[in-house]
């Protein structure tokens, strides 16, 4: 059995049972304890499961991975996803760019070749990146700045976003549940994301594969509200079926590109 297939089955077992032991996994998959421990460590690093003495449990839904850690996780994948997404953004477009490390990768790609963009963002890091292209007009939302990641949230941010109606909304997300729920950790951030969805003519979501099936406590919407999804691996069957059901195009990019 391939490692990626085995790891997905481990995730499924943890979600179904709440806890699985290392011994049970060794017996089920007929591999060494070292192989299972390596699988569990990798899945824990991606916040797919939580390591527990002698096994694994479901990850906490109330705590996100630290920003500095997320910034370097799946870095090549995020860059490839960003490169693919910006091909759908024409010169002269107006767009929202959300909080998150993947939206920051998208901003870096936009700076390279795009012209005459008008960007509204509640992400200080994105604004700083976009300043590198003198042909862009960048509008930074007001509100409370979060020290941990440069995100701007709060009532003032929400009111500010609602003033606009733009061509594209570029979202970051913490997780996509198997029922199609779009999930995140911060209630205040989620309210801004919802406003971006409501005030964008097209909503694009860029996610690496670690977000599929990942748990987070706040539901911000459903996959049916998207107009495009770009990722680096084929989505799980349940999510792929929902994309097909709602006629939502998605692109799976090569991580070796």
C-alpha atoms as a PDB file:
ATOM      1  CA  UNK A   1       0.000   0.000   0.000  1.00  0.00           C
ATOM      2  CA  UNK A   2       1.279   3.452  -0.908  1.00  0.00           C
ATOM      3  CA  UNK A   3       2.210   5.752   1.951  1.00  0.00           C
ATOM      4  CA  UNK A   4      -0.337   8.418   0.940  1.00  0.00           C
ATOM      5  CA  UNK A   5      -3.126   5.812   0.772  1.00  0.00           C
ATOM      6  CA  UNK A   6      -2.177   4.385   4.172  1.00  0.00           C
ATOM      7  CA  UNK A   7      -2.040   7.822   5.754  1.00  0.00           C
ATOM      8  CA  UNK A   8      -5.486   8.718   4.406  1.00  0.00           C
ATOM      9  CA  UNK A   9      -6.862   5.469   5.850  1.00  0.00           C
ATOM     10  CA  UNK A  10      -5.270   6.356   9.203  1.00  0.00           C
ATOM     11  CA  UNK A  11      -7.017   9.740   9.113  1.00  0.00           C
ATOM     12  CA  UNK A  12     -10.328   8.035   8.324  1.00  0.00           C
ATOM     13  CA  UNK A  13      -9.903   5.629  11.235  1.00  0.00           C
ATOM     14  CA  UNK A  14      -9.065   8.427  13.662  1.00  0.00           C
ATOM     15  CA  UNK A  15     -12.079  10.449  12.562  1.00  0.00           C
ATOM     16  CA  UNK A  16     -14.356   7.423  12.837  1.00  0.00           C
ATOM     17  CA  UNK A  17     -13.139   6.121  16.193  1.00  0.00           C
ATOM     18  CA  UNK A  18     -11.702   9.213  17.892  1.00  0.00           C
ATOM     19  CA  UNK A  19      -8.580   7.272  18.881  1.00  0.00           C
ATOM     20  CA  UNK A  20      -6.457   4.524  17.316  1.00  0.00           C
ATOM     21  CA  UNK A  21      -3.459   2.806  18.845  1.00  0.00           C
ATOM     22  CA  UNK A  22      -0.116   2.319  17.178  1.00  0.00           C
ATOM     23  CA  UNK A  23      -0.369  -1.440  17.764  1.00  0.00           C
ATOM     24  CA  UNK A  24      -3.748  -1.614  16.015  1.00  0.00           C
ATOM     25  CA  UNK A  25      -2.376   0.289  13.027  1.00  0.00           C
ATOM     26  CA  UNK A  26       0.672  -1.972  12.790  1.00  0.00           C
ATOM     27  CA  UNK A  27      -1.602  -5.017  12.765  1.00  0.00           C
ATOM     28  CA  UNK A  28      -4.077  -3.524  10.299  1.00  0.00           C
ATOM     29  CA  UNK A  29      -1.512  -2.354   7.723  1.00  0.00           C
ATOM     30  CA  UNK A  30       1.087  -5.100   8.253  1.00  0.00           C
ATOM     31  CA  UNK A  31       3.976  -2.638   8.521  1.00  0.00           C
ATOM     32  CA  UNK A  32       6.598  -1.941  11.172  1.00  0.00           C
ATOM     33  CA  UNK A  33       5.949   0.231  14.268  1.00  0.00           C
ATOM     34  CA  UNK A  34       8.611   2.627  12.950  1.00  0.00           C
ATOM     35  CA  UNK A  35       6.623   3.104   9.727  1.00  0.00           C
ATOM     36  CA  UNK A  36       3.421   3.845  11.639  1.00  0.00           C
ATOM     37  CA  UNK A  37       5.175   6.263  13.987  1.00  0.00           C
ATOM     38  CA  UNK A  38       6.626   8.065  10.971  1.00  0.00           C
ATOM     39  CA  UNK A  39       3.153   8.268   9.418  1.00  0.00           C
ATOM     40  CA  UNK A  40       1.655   9.622  12.633  1.00  0.00           C
ATOM     41  CA  UNK A  41       4.408  12.216  13.050  1.00  0.00           C
ATOM     42  CA  UNK A  42       3.916  13.467   9.483  1.00  0.00           C
ATOM     43  CA  UNK A  43       0.140  13.631   9.899  1.00  0.00           C
ATOM     44  CA  UNK A  44       0.513  15.454  13.210  1.00  0.00           C
ATOM     45  CA  UNK A  45       2.863  17.982  11.607  1.00  0.00           C
ATOM     46  CA  UNK A  46       0.110  18.666   9.040  1.00  0.00           C
ATOM     47  CA  UNK A  47      -2.490  18.918  11.849  1.00  0.00           C
ATOM     48  CA  UNK A  48      -4.403  15.979  10.368  1.00  0.00           C
ATOM     49  CA  UNK A  49      -4.250  14.058  13.652  1.00  0.00           C
ATOM     50  CA  UNK A  50      -2.959  14.665  17.181  1.00  0.00           C
ATOM     51  CA  UNK A  51      -0.216  12.399  18.507  1.00  0.00           C
ATOM     52  CA  UNK A  52      -1.141  10.650  21.713  1.00  0.00           C
ATOM     53  CA  UNK A  53       0.792   8.233  23.885  1.00  0.00           C
ATOM     54  CA  UNK A  54       0.583   4.926  22.070  1.00  0.00           C
ATOM     55  CA  UNK A  55      -1.504   6.205  19.184  1.00  0.00           C
ATOM     56  CA  UNK A  56      -3.395   9.140  17.714  1.00  0.00           C
ATOM     57  CA  UNK A  57      -6.556  11.170  18.323  1.00  0.00           C
ATOM     58  CA  UNK A  58      -8.487  13.784  16.370  1.00  0.00           C
ATOM     59  CA  UNK A  59      -6.765  17.197  16.118  1.00  0.00           C
ATOM     60  CA  UNK A  60      -7.960  20.098  18.223  1.00  0.00           C
ATOM     61  CA  UNK A  61     -10.567  22.147  16.368  1.00  0.00           C
ATOM     62  CA  UNK A  62      -9.988  25.278  18.422  1.00  0.00           C
ATOM     63  CA  UNK A  63      -6.278  25.934  17.821  1.00  0.00           C
ATOM     64  CA  UNK A  64      -4.578  26.692  14.518  1.00  0.00           C
ATOM     65  CA  UNK A  65      -0.931  25.981  13.753  1.00  0.00           C
ATOM     66  CA  UNK A  66       1.320  28.964  14.504  1.00  0.00           C
ATOM     67  CA  UNK A  67       1.724  31.434  11.616  1.00  0.00           C
ATOM     68  CA  UNK A  68       5.518  31.079  11.398  1.00  0.00           C
ATOM     69  CA  UNK A  69       5.081  27.308  11.125  1.00  0.00           C
ATOM     70  CA  UNK A  70       2.323  27.572   8.515  1.00  0.00           C
ATOM     71  CA  UNK A  71       4.448  29.976   6.498  1.00  0.00           C
ATOM     72  CA  UNK A  72       7.034  27.290   5.760  1.00  0.00           C
ATOM     73  CA  UNK A  73       4.705  24.267   5.584  1.00  0.00           C
ATOM     74  CA  UNK A  74       3.927  22.987   2.041  1.00  0.00           C
ATOM     75  CA  UNK A  75       5.847  26.010   0.722  1.00  0.00           C
ATOM     76  CA  UNK A  76       6.610  24.619  -2.733  1.00  0.00           C
ATOM     77  CA  UNK A  77       3.038  23.406  -3.133  1.00  0.00           C
ATOM     78  CA  UNK A  78       1.644  26.823  -2.208  1.00  0.00           C
ATOM     79  CA  UNK A  79       3.924  28.526  -4.716  1.00  0.00           C
ATOM     80  CA  UNK A  80       2.829  26.145  -7.494  1.00  0.00           C
ATOM     81  CA  UNK A  81      -0.837  26.626  -6.608  1.00  0.00           C
ATOM     82  CA  UNK A  82      -0.372  30.399  -6.626  1.00  0.00           C
ATOM     83  CA  UNK A  83       1.323  30.290 -10.011  1.00  0.00           C
ATOM     84  CA  UNK A  84      -1.637  28.352 -11.416  1.00  0.00           C
ATOM     85  CA  UNK A  85      -4.280  30.606  -9.876  1.00  0.00           C
ATOM     86  CA  UNK A  86      -2.929  33.947 -11.087  1.00  0.00           C
ATOM     87  CA  UNK A  87      -3.356  32.765 -14.692  1.00  0.00           C
ATOM     88  CA  UNK A  88      -7.085  33.209 -14.153  1.00  0.00           C
ATOM     89  CA  UNK A  89      -6.715  36.848 -13.038  1.00  0.00           C
ATOM     90  CA  UNK A  90      -6.702  39.247 -16.006  1.00  0.00           C
ATOM     91  CA  UNK A  91      -4.861  42.549 -16.066  1.00  0.00           C
ATOM     92  CA  UNK A  92      -7.094  45.401 -14.978  1.00  0.00           C
ATOM     93  CA  UNK A  93      -9.107  43.252 -12.549  1.00  0.00           C
ATOM     94  CA  UNK A  94     -10.331  44.204  -9.089  1.00  0.00           C
ATOM     95  CA  UNK A  95      -9.945  41.693  -6.288  1.00  0.00           C
ATOM     96  CA  UNK A  96     -10.016  40.950  -2.595  1.00  0.00           C
ATOM     97  CA  UNK A  97      -7.078  39.036  -1.123  1.00  0.00           C
ATOM     98  CA  UNK A  98      -7.709  37.373   2.210  1.00  0.00           C
ATOM     99  CA  UNK A  99      -5.637  36.519   5.294  1.00  0.00           C
ATOM    100  CA  UNK A 100      -3.431  33.440   5.022  1.00  0.00           C
ATOM    101  CA  UNK A 101      -0.094  32.107   3.870  1.00  0.00           C
ATOM    102  CA  UNK A 102      -1.428  30.840   0.533  1.00  0.00           C
ATOM    103  CA  UNK A 103      -2.953  34.245  -0.349  1.00  0.00           C
ATOM    104  CA  UNK A 104       0.466  35.718   0.421  1.00  0.00           C
ATOM    105  CA  UNK A 105       2.020  33.328  -2.110  1.00  0.00           C
ATOM    106  CA  UNK A 106      -0.608  34.460  -4.626  1.00  0.00           C
ATOM    107  CA  UNK A 107       0.307  38.098  -3.998  1.00  0.00           C
ATOM    108  CA  UNK A 108       3.960  37.280  -4.763  1.00  0.00           C
ATOM    109  CA  UNK A 109       2.945  35.751  -8.104  1.00  0.00           C
ATOM    110  CA  UNK A 110       0.703  38.682  -9.036  1.00  0.00           C
ATOM    111  CA  UNK A 111       3.540  41.156  -8.522  1.00  0.00           C
ATOM    112  CA  UNK A 112       5.696  39.448 -11.175  1.00  0.00           C
ATOM    113  CA  UNK A 113       3.748  40.094 -14.375  1.00  0.00           C
ATOM    114  CA  UNK A 114       0.287  41.544 -13.750  1.00  0.00           C
ATOM    115  CA  UNK A 115      -0.672  45.131 -14.544  1.00  0.00           C
ATOM    116  CA  UNK A 116      -3.293  47.625 -13.431  1.00  0.00           C
ATOM    117  CA  UNK A 117      -4.774  45.577 -10.582  1.00  0.00           C
ATOM    118  CA  UNK A 118      -6.932  47.133  -7.863  1.00  0.00           C
ATOM    119  CA  UNK A 119      -6.634  45.091  -4.683  1.00  0.00           C
ATOM    120  CA  UNK A 120      -8.521  45.353  -1.398  1.00  0.00           C
ATOM    121  CA  UNK A 121      -6.951  43.342   1.416  1.00  0.00           C
ATOM    122  CA  UNK A 122      -7.124  42.868   5.167  1.00  0.00           C
ATOM    123  CA  UNK A 123      -3.645  41.333   5.205  1.00  0.00           C
ATOM    124  CA  UNK A 124      -0.712  43.641   5.961  1.00  0.00           C
ATOM    125  CA  UNK A 125       1.738  41.088   4.533  1.00  0.00           C
ATOM    126  CA  UNK A 126      -0.151  41.011   1.226  1.00  0.00           C
ATOM    127  CA  UNK A 127      -0.216  44.810   1.070  1.00  0.00           C
ATOM    128  CA  UNK A 128       3.552  44.968   1.646  1.00  0.00           C
ATOM    129  CA  UNK A 129       4.146  42.406  -1.109  1.00  0.00           C
ATOM    130  CA  UNK A 130       1.898  44.166  -3.622  1.00  0.00           C
ATOM    131  CA  UNK A 131       3.674  47.462  -3.030  1.00  0.00           C
ATOM    132  CA  UNK A 132       6.479  45.951  -5.085  1.00  0.00           C
ATOM    133  CA  UNK A 133       4.462  46.587  -8.265  1.00  0.00           C
ATOM    134  CA  UNK A 134       3.998  50.313  -8.852  1.00  0.00           C
ATOM    135  CA  UNK A 135       1.199  49.592 -11.327  1.00  0.00           C
ATOM    136  CA  UNK A 136      -1.102  48.257  -8.570  1.00  0.00           C
ATOM    137  CA  UNK A 137      -3.491  50.251  -6.432  1.00  0.00           C
ATOM    138  CA  UNK A 138      -3.647  48.649  -2.990  1.00  0.00           C
ATOM    139  CA  UNK A 139      -6.421  49.473  -0.532  1.00  0.00           C
ATOM    140  CA  UNK A 140      -5.789  48.265   3.024  1.00  0.00           C
ATOM    141  CA  UNK A 141      -8.783  47.627   5.268  1.00  0.00           C
ATOM    142  CA  UNK A 142      -9.001  49.321   8.633  1.00  0.00           C
ATOM    143  CA  UNK A 143      -9.468  47.453  11.888  1.00  0.00           C
ATOM    144  CA  UNK A 144      -7.532  45.600  14.565  1.00  0.00           C
ATOM    145  CA  UNK A 145      -4.158  44.241  13.478  1.00  0.00           C
ATOM    146  CA  UNK A 146      -3.336  40.767  14.797  1.00  0.00           C
ATOM    147  CA  UNK A 147       0.275  40.666  15.915  1.00  0.00           C
ATOM    148  CA  UNK A 148       0.637  36.966  15.194  1.00  0.00           C
ATOM    149  CA  UNK A 149       0.066  37.121  11.417  1.00  0.00           C
ATOM    150  CA  UNK A 150      -0.603  40.679  10.212  1.00  0.00           C
ATOM    151  CA  UNK A 151      -4.284  39.994   9.621  1.00  0.00           C
ATOM    152  CA  UNK A 152      -6.790  42.814  10.109  1.00  0.00           C
ATOM    153  CA  UNK A 153     -10.155  41.917  11.650  1.00  0.00           C
ATOM    154  CA  UNK A 154     -13.062  43.444  13.561  1.00  0.00           C
ATOM    155  CA  UNK A 155     -16.230  45.427  12.948  1.00  0.00           C
ATOM    156  CA  UNK A 156     -14.390  48.226  11.141  1.00  0.00           C
ATOM    157  CA  UNK A 157     -12.838  45.674   8.761  1.00  0.00           C
ATOM    158  CA  UNK A 158     -16.225  44.107   8.086  1.00  0.00           C
ATOM    159  CA  UNK A 159     -17.853  47.462   7.341  1.00  0.00           C
ATOM    160  CA  UNK A 160     -14.953  48.409   5.082  1.00  0.00           C
ATOM    161  CA  UNK A 161     -15.136  45.215   2.988  1.00  0.00           C
ATOM    162  CA  UNK A 162     -18.890  45.616   2.514  1.00  0.00           C
ATOM    163  CA  UNK A 163     -18.358  48.913   0.678  1.00  0.00           C
ATOM    164  CA  UNK A 164     -16.897  47.129  -2.362  1.00  0.00           C
ATOM    165  CA  UNK A 165     -18.123  44.885  -5.159  1.00  0.00           C
ATOM    166  CA  UNK A 166     -15.082  43.367  -6.875  1.00  0.00           C
ATOM    167  CA  UNK A 167     -14.341  40.927  -9.693  1.00  0.00           C
ATOM    168  CA  UNK A 168     -12.557  38.277  -7.648  1.00  0.00           C
ATOM    169  CA  UNK A 169     -12.301  37.148  -4.055  1.00  0.00           C
ATOM    170  CA  UNK A 170      -9.136  35.144  -3.252  1.00  0.00           C
ATOM    171  CA  UNK A 171      -9.692  33.162  -0.063  1.00  0.00           C
ATOM    172  CA  UNK A 172      -7.445  31.378   2.387  1.00  0.00           C
ATOM    173  CA  UNK A 173      -8.958  28.602   4.474  1.00  0.00           C
ATOM    174  CA  UNK A 174      -7.979  26.332   7.362  1.00  0.00           C
ATOM    175  CA  UNK A 175      -9.965  23.262   6.406  1.00  0.00           C
ATOM    176  CA  UNK A 176     -12.578  21.716   4.123  1.00  0.00           C
ATOM    177  CA  UNK A 177     -14.741  19.078   5.779  1.00  0.00           C
ATOM    178  CA  UNK A 178     -15.875  16.023   3.861  1.00  0.00           C
ATOM    179  CA  UNK A 179     -19.428  17.430   3.730  1.00  0.00           C
ATOM    180  CA  UNK A 180     -18.147  20.527   1.903  1.00  0.00           C
ATOM    181  CA  UNK A 181     -18.070  22.871   4.887  1.00  0.00           C
ATOM    182  CA  UNK A 182     -15.418  25.591   4.688  1.00  0.00           C
ATOM    183  CA  UNK A 183     -13.805  25.899   8.104  1.00  0.00           C
ATOM    184  CA  UNK A 184     -11.579  28.282  10.010  1.00  0.00           C
ATOM    185  CA  UNK A 185     -10.496  28.968  13.577  1.00  0.00           C
ATOM    186  CA  UNK A 186     -11.255  32.647  14.236  1.00  0.00           C
ATOM    187  CA  UNK A 187     -14.872  33.833  14.369  1.00  0.00           C
ATOM    188  CA  UNK A 188     -13.942  37.446  13.606  1.00  0.00           C
ATOM    189  CA  UNK A 189     -11.826  36.415  10.625  1.00  0.00           C
ATOM    190  CA  UNK A 190     -14.635  34.202   9.343  1.00  0.00           C
ATOM    191  CA  UNK A 191     -17.064  37.131   9.309  1.00  0.00           C
ATOM    192  CA  UNK A 192     -14.692  39.021   7.013  1.00  0.00           C
ATOM    193  CA  UNK A 193     -14.284  35.967   4.769  1.00  0.00           C
ATOM    194  CA  UNK A 194     -18.066  35.724   4.450  1.00  0.00           C
ATOM    195  CA  UNK A 195     -18.199  39.399   3.445  1.00  0.00           C
ATOM    196  CA  UNK A 196     -15.535  38.758   0.786  1.00  0.00           C
ATOM    197  CA  UNK A 197     -17.611  35.879  -0.611  1.00  0.00           C
ATOM    198  CA  UNK A 198     -20.771  37.981  -0.663  1.00  0.00           C
ATOM    199  CA  UNK A 199     -19.090  40.926  -2.381  1.00  0.00           C
ATOM    200  CA  UNK A 200     -17.057  39.094  -5.038  1.00  0.00           C
ATOM    201  CA  UNK A 201     -18.387  38.241  -8.482  1.00  0.00           C
ATOM    202  CA  UNK A 202     -16.159  35.132  -8.529  1.00  0.00           C
ATOM    203  CA  UNK A 203     -14.665  33.362  -5.502  1.00  0.00           C
ATOM    204  CA  UNK A 204     -11.406  31.428  -5.916  1.00  0.00           C
ATOM    205  CA  UNK A 205     -10.068  29.124  -3.237  1.00  0.00           C
ATOM    206  CA  UNK A 206      -6.433  27.988  -3.293  1.00  0.00           C
ATOM    207  CA  UNK A 207      -5.620  25.149  -0.876  1.00  0.00           C
ATOM    208  CA  UNK A 208      -2.910  22.549  -0.523  1.00  0.00           C
ATOM    209  CA  UNK A 209      -3.951  18.947   0.113  1.00  0.00           C
ATOM    210  CA  UNK A 210      -3.430  19.139   3.890  1.00  0.00           C
ATOM    211  CA  UNK A 211      -6.610  21.227   4.192  1.00  0.00           C
ATOM    212  CA  UNK A 212      -8.882  18.425   2.953  1.00  0.00           C
ATOM    213  CA  UNK A 213     -10.639  16.844   5.920  1.00  0.00           C
ATOM    214  CA  UNK A 214      -8.881  19.163   8.380  1.00  0.00           C
ATOM    215  CA  UNK A 215     -10.907  20.129  11.421  1.00  0.00           C
ATOM    216  CA  UNK A 216     -11.567  23.712  12.563  1.00  0.00           C
ATOM    217  CA  UNK A 217     -14.282  25.067  14.824  1.00  0.00           C
ATOM    218  CA  UNK A 218     -15.975  27.844  12.790  1.00  0.00           C
ATOM    219  CA  UNK A 219     -18.082  27.171   9.676  1.00  0.00           C
ATOM    220  CA  UNK A 220     -17.834  30.036   7.199  1.00  0.00           C
ATOM    221  CA  UNK A 221     -19.764  28.560   4.297  1.00  0.00           C
ATOM    222  CA  UNK A 222     -19.948  25.714   1.831  1.00  0.00           C
ATOM    223  CA  UNK A 223     -17.872  24.576  -1.100  1.00  0.00           C
ATOM    224  CA  UNK A 224     -20.899  25.253  -3.333  1.00  0.00           C
ATOM    225  CA  UNK A 225     -20.211  29.006  -2.941  1.00  0.00           C
ATOM    226  CA  UNK A 226     -16.914  28.745  -4.824  1.00  0.00           C
ATOM    227  CA  UNK A 227     -16.338  29.455  -8.510  1.00  0.00           C
ATOM    228  CA  UNK A 228     -12.933  27.741  -8.713  1.00  0.00           C
ATOM    229  CA  UNK A 229     -10.740  25.536  -6.515  1.00  0.00           C
ATOM    230  CA  UNK A 230      -7.029  25.006  -7.144  1.00  0.00           C
ATOM    231  CA  UNK A 231      -5.009  22.440  -5.221  1.00  0.00           C
ATOM    232  CA  UNK A 232      -1.969  20.197  -5.469  1.00  0.00           C
ATOM    233  CA  UNK A 233      -3.571  16.751  -5.093  1.00  0.00           C
ATOM    234  CA  UNK A 234      -6.788  15.131  -6.208  1.00  0.00           C
ATOM    235  CA  UNK A 235      -9.443  15.963  -3.572  1.00  0.00           C
ATOM    236  CA  UNK A 236     -10.899  13.091  -1.530  1.00  0.00           C
ATOM    237  CA  UNK A 237     -13.812  11.307  -3.195  1.00  0.00           C
ATOM    238  CA  UNK A 238     -16.439  13.027  -1.047  1.00  0.00           C
ATOM    239  CA  UNK A 239     -15.167  16.515  -1.834  1.00  0.00           C
ATOM    240  CA  UNK A 240     -14.601  15.737  -5.524  1.00  0.00           C
ATOM    241  CA  UNK A 241     -18.217  14.505  -5.737  1.00  0.00           C
ATOM    242  CA  UNK A 242     -19.481  17.772  -4.239  1.00  0.00           C
ATOM    243  CA  UNK A 243     -17.431  19.835  -6.692  1.00  0.00           C
ATOM    244  CA  UNK A 244     -18.922  17.832  -9.545  1.00  0.00           C
ATOM    245  CA  UNK A 245     -22.443  18.080  -8.126  1.00  0.00           C
ATOM    246  CA  UNK A 246     -22.237  21.873  -7.977  1.00  0.00           C
ATOM    247  CA  UNK A 247     -20.412  22.197 -11.319  1.00  0.00           C
ATOM    248  CA  UNK A 248     -17.412  23.871  -9.686  1.00  0.00           C
ATOM    249  CA  UNK A 249     -14.257  23.619 -11.799  1.00  0.00           C
ATOM    250  CA  UNK A 250     -11.071  22.628 -10.022  1.00  0.00           C
ATOM    251  CA  UNK A 251      -7.473  22.319 -11.094  1.00  0.00           C
ATOM    252  CA  UNK A 252      -4.933  19.901  -9.643  1.00  0.00           C
ATOM    253  CA  UNK A 253      -1.414  21.202 -10.283  1.00  0.00           C
ATOM    254  CA  UNK A 254       1.780  19.180 -10.361  1.00  0.00           C
ATOM    255  CA  UNK A 255       3.905  19.629  -7.245  1.00  0.00           C
ATOM    256  CA  UNK A 256       7.007  18.803  -9.273  1.00  0.00           C
ATOM    257  CA  UNK A 257       6.538  21.827 -11.539  1.00  0.00           C
END
